[in-house]
């Protein structure tokens, strides 16, 4: 493992919106701010309406 860098998840956040297009814009903004999607987008219901959800993470070389 010489020369290999290990990154750790340092931050975790869940983004959500009632519209898939709006969630997509939130995810794109987060990506530009150093976040990465964690897993696939999920859908659920909130008060009978669809809710689109995406977990996001930031990585660090070390824990703070």
C-alpha atoms as a PDB file:
ATOM      1  CA  UNK A   1       0.000   0.000   0.000  1.00  0.00           C
ATOM      2  CA  UNK A   2       2.959   2.285  -0.545  1.00  0.00           C
ATOM      3  CA  UNK A   3       1.926   5.552  -2.155  1.00  0.00           C
ATOM      4  CA  UNK A   4      -1.775   4.858  -1.649  1.00  0.00           C
ATOM      5  CA  UNK A   5      -3.835   7.540   0.100  1.00  0.00           C
ATOM      6  CA  UNK A   6      -6.726   6.567   2.328  1.00  0.00           C
ATOM      7  CA  UNK A   7      -9.591   9.034   2.542  1.00  0.00           C
ATOM      8  CA  UNK A   8     -12.189   9.049   5.288  1.00  0.00           C
ATOM      9  CA  UNK A   9     -15.718  10.373   5.222  1.00  0.00           C
ATOM     10  CA  UNK A  10     -15.520  13.546   7.298  1.00  0.00           C
ATOM     11  CA  UNK A  11     -18.971  15.017   6.646  1.00  0.00           C
ATOM     12  CA  UNK A  12     -22.346  13.462   5.806  1.00  0.00           C
ATOM     13  CA  UNK A  13     -25.510  15.243   4.691  1.00  0.00           C
ATOM     14  CA  UNK A  14     -28.872  14.282   3.226  1.00  0.00           C
ATOM     15  CA  UNK A  15     -30.393  16.495   0.534  1.00  0.00           C
ATOM     16  CA  UNK A  16     -34.074  16.232  -0.355  1.00  0.00           C
ATOM     17  CA  UNK A  17     -36.738  17.945  -2.424  1.00  0.00           C
ATOM     18  CA  UNK A  18     -40.253  17.267  -3.638  1.00  0.00           C
ATOM     19  CA  UNK A  19     -39.079  17.619  -7.266  1.00  0.00           C
ATOM     20  CA  UNK A  20     -36.361  15.489  -8.867  1.00  0.00           C
ATOM     21  CA  UNK A  21     -35.127  18.416 -10.982  1.00  0.00           C
ATOM     22  CA  UNK A  22     -34.717  20.609  -7.903  1.00  0.00           C
ATOM     23  CA  UNK A  23     -32.823  17.851  -6.088  1.00  0.00           C
ATOM     24  CA  UNK A  24     -30.551  17.520  -9.116  1.00  0.00           C
ATOM     25  CA  UNK A  25     -29.662  21.209  -8.867  1.00  0.00           C
ATOM     26  CA  UNK A  26     -28.975  20.854  -5.120  1.00  0.00           C
ATOM     27  CA  UNK A  27     -26.693  17.870  -5.777  1.00  0.00           C
ATOM     28  CA  UNK A  28     -24.832  19.706  -8.561  1.00  0.00           C
ATOM     29  CA  UNK A  29     -24.246  22.684  -6.265  1.00  0.00           C
ATOM     30  CA  UNK A  30     -23.006  20.401  -3.497  1.00  0.00           C
ATOM     31  CA  UNK A  31     -20.627  18.638  -5.913  1.00  0.00           C
ATOM     32  CA  UNK A  32     -19.140  22.008  -6.881  1.00  0.00           C
ATOM     33  CA  UNK A  33     -18.634  22.655  -3.144  1.00  0.00           C
ATOM     34  CA  UNK A  34     -16.603  19.484  -2.617  1.00  0.00           C
ATOM     35  CA  UNK A  35     -19.364  16.973  -1.776  1.00  0.00           C
ATOM     36  CA  UNK A  36     -19.858  13.612  -3.500  1.00  0.00           C
ATOM     37  CA  UNK A  37     -23.056  11.555  -3.826  1.00  0.00           C
ATOM     38  CA  UNK A  38     -23.090   8.511  -1.549  1.00  0.00           C
ATOM     39  CA  UNK A  39     -25.153   5.724  -3.070  1.00  0.00           C
ATOM     40  CA  UNK A  40     -28.126   6.099  -5.348  1.00  0.00           C
ATOM     41  CA  UNK A  41     -30.922   8.633  -5.160  1.00  0.00           C
ATOM     42  CA  UNK A  42     -33.911   7.318  -3.223  1.00  0.00           C
ATOM     43  CA  UNK A  43     -37.580   8.167  -3.289  1.00  0.00           C
ATOM     44  CA  UNK A  44     -40.070   8.047  -0.480  1.00  0.00           C
ATOM     45  CA  UNK A  45     -43.338   9.748   0.396  1.00  0.00           C
ATOM     46  CA  UNK A  46     -43.951  12.628   2.756  1.00  0.00           C
ATOM     47  CA  UNK A  47     -47.570  13.525   3.475  1.00  0.00           C
ATOM     48  CA  UNK A  48     -48.615  11.486   0.422  1.00  0.00           C
ATOM     49  CA  UNK A  49     -46.310  13.347  -1.983  1.00  0.00           C
ATOM     50  CA  UNK A  50     -43.041  12.035  -3.474  1.00  0.00           C
ATOM     51  CA  UNK A  51     -39.788  13.076  -1.838  1.00  0.00           C
ATOM     52  CA  UNK A  52     -36.459  12.622  -3.628  1.00  0.00           C
ATOM     53  CA  UNK A  53     -33.448  12.054  -1.378  1.00  0.00           C
ATOM     54  CA  UNK A  54     -29.676  11.890  -1.924  1.00  0.00           C
ATOM     55  CA  UNK A  55     -26.989  11.264   0.688  1.00  0.00           C
ATOM     56  CA  UNK A  56     -23.810  13.307   0.203  1.00  0.00           C
ATOM     57  CA  UNK A  57     -20.345  13.001   1.763  1.00  0.00           C
ATOM     58  CA  UNK A  58     -17.114  14.945   1.976  1.00  0.00           C
ATOM     59  CA  UNK A  59     -13.789  13.158   2.303  1.00  0.00           C
ATOM     60  CA  UNK A  60     -10.684  14.090   4.274  1.00  0.00           C
ATOM     61  CA  UNK A  61      -7.249  12.539   4.611  1.00  0.00           C
ATOM     62  CA  UNK A  62      -7.635  12.574   8.401  1.00  0.00           C
ATOM     63  CA  UNK A  63     -10.370  12.954  10.972  1.00  0.00           C
ATOM     64  CA  UNK A  64     -10.517  16.322  12.673  1.00  0.00           C
END
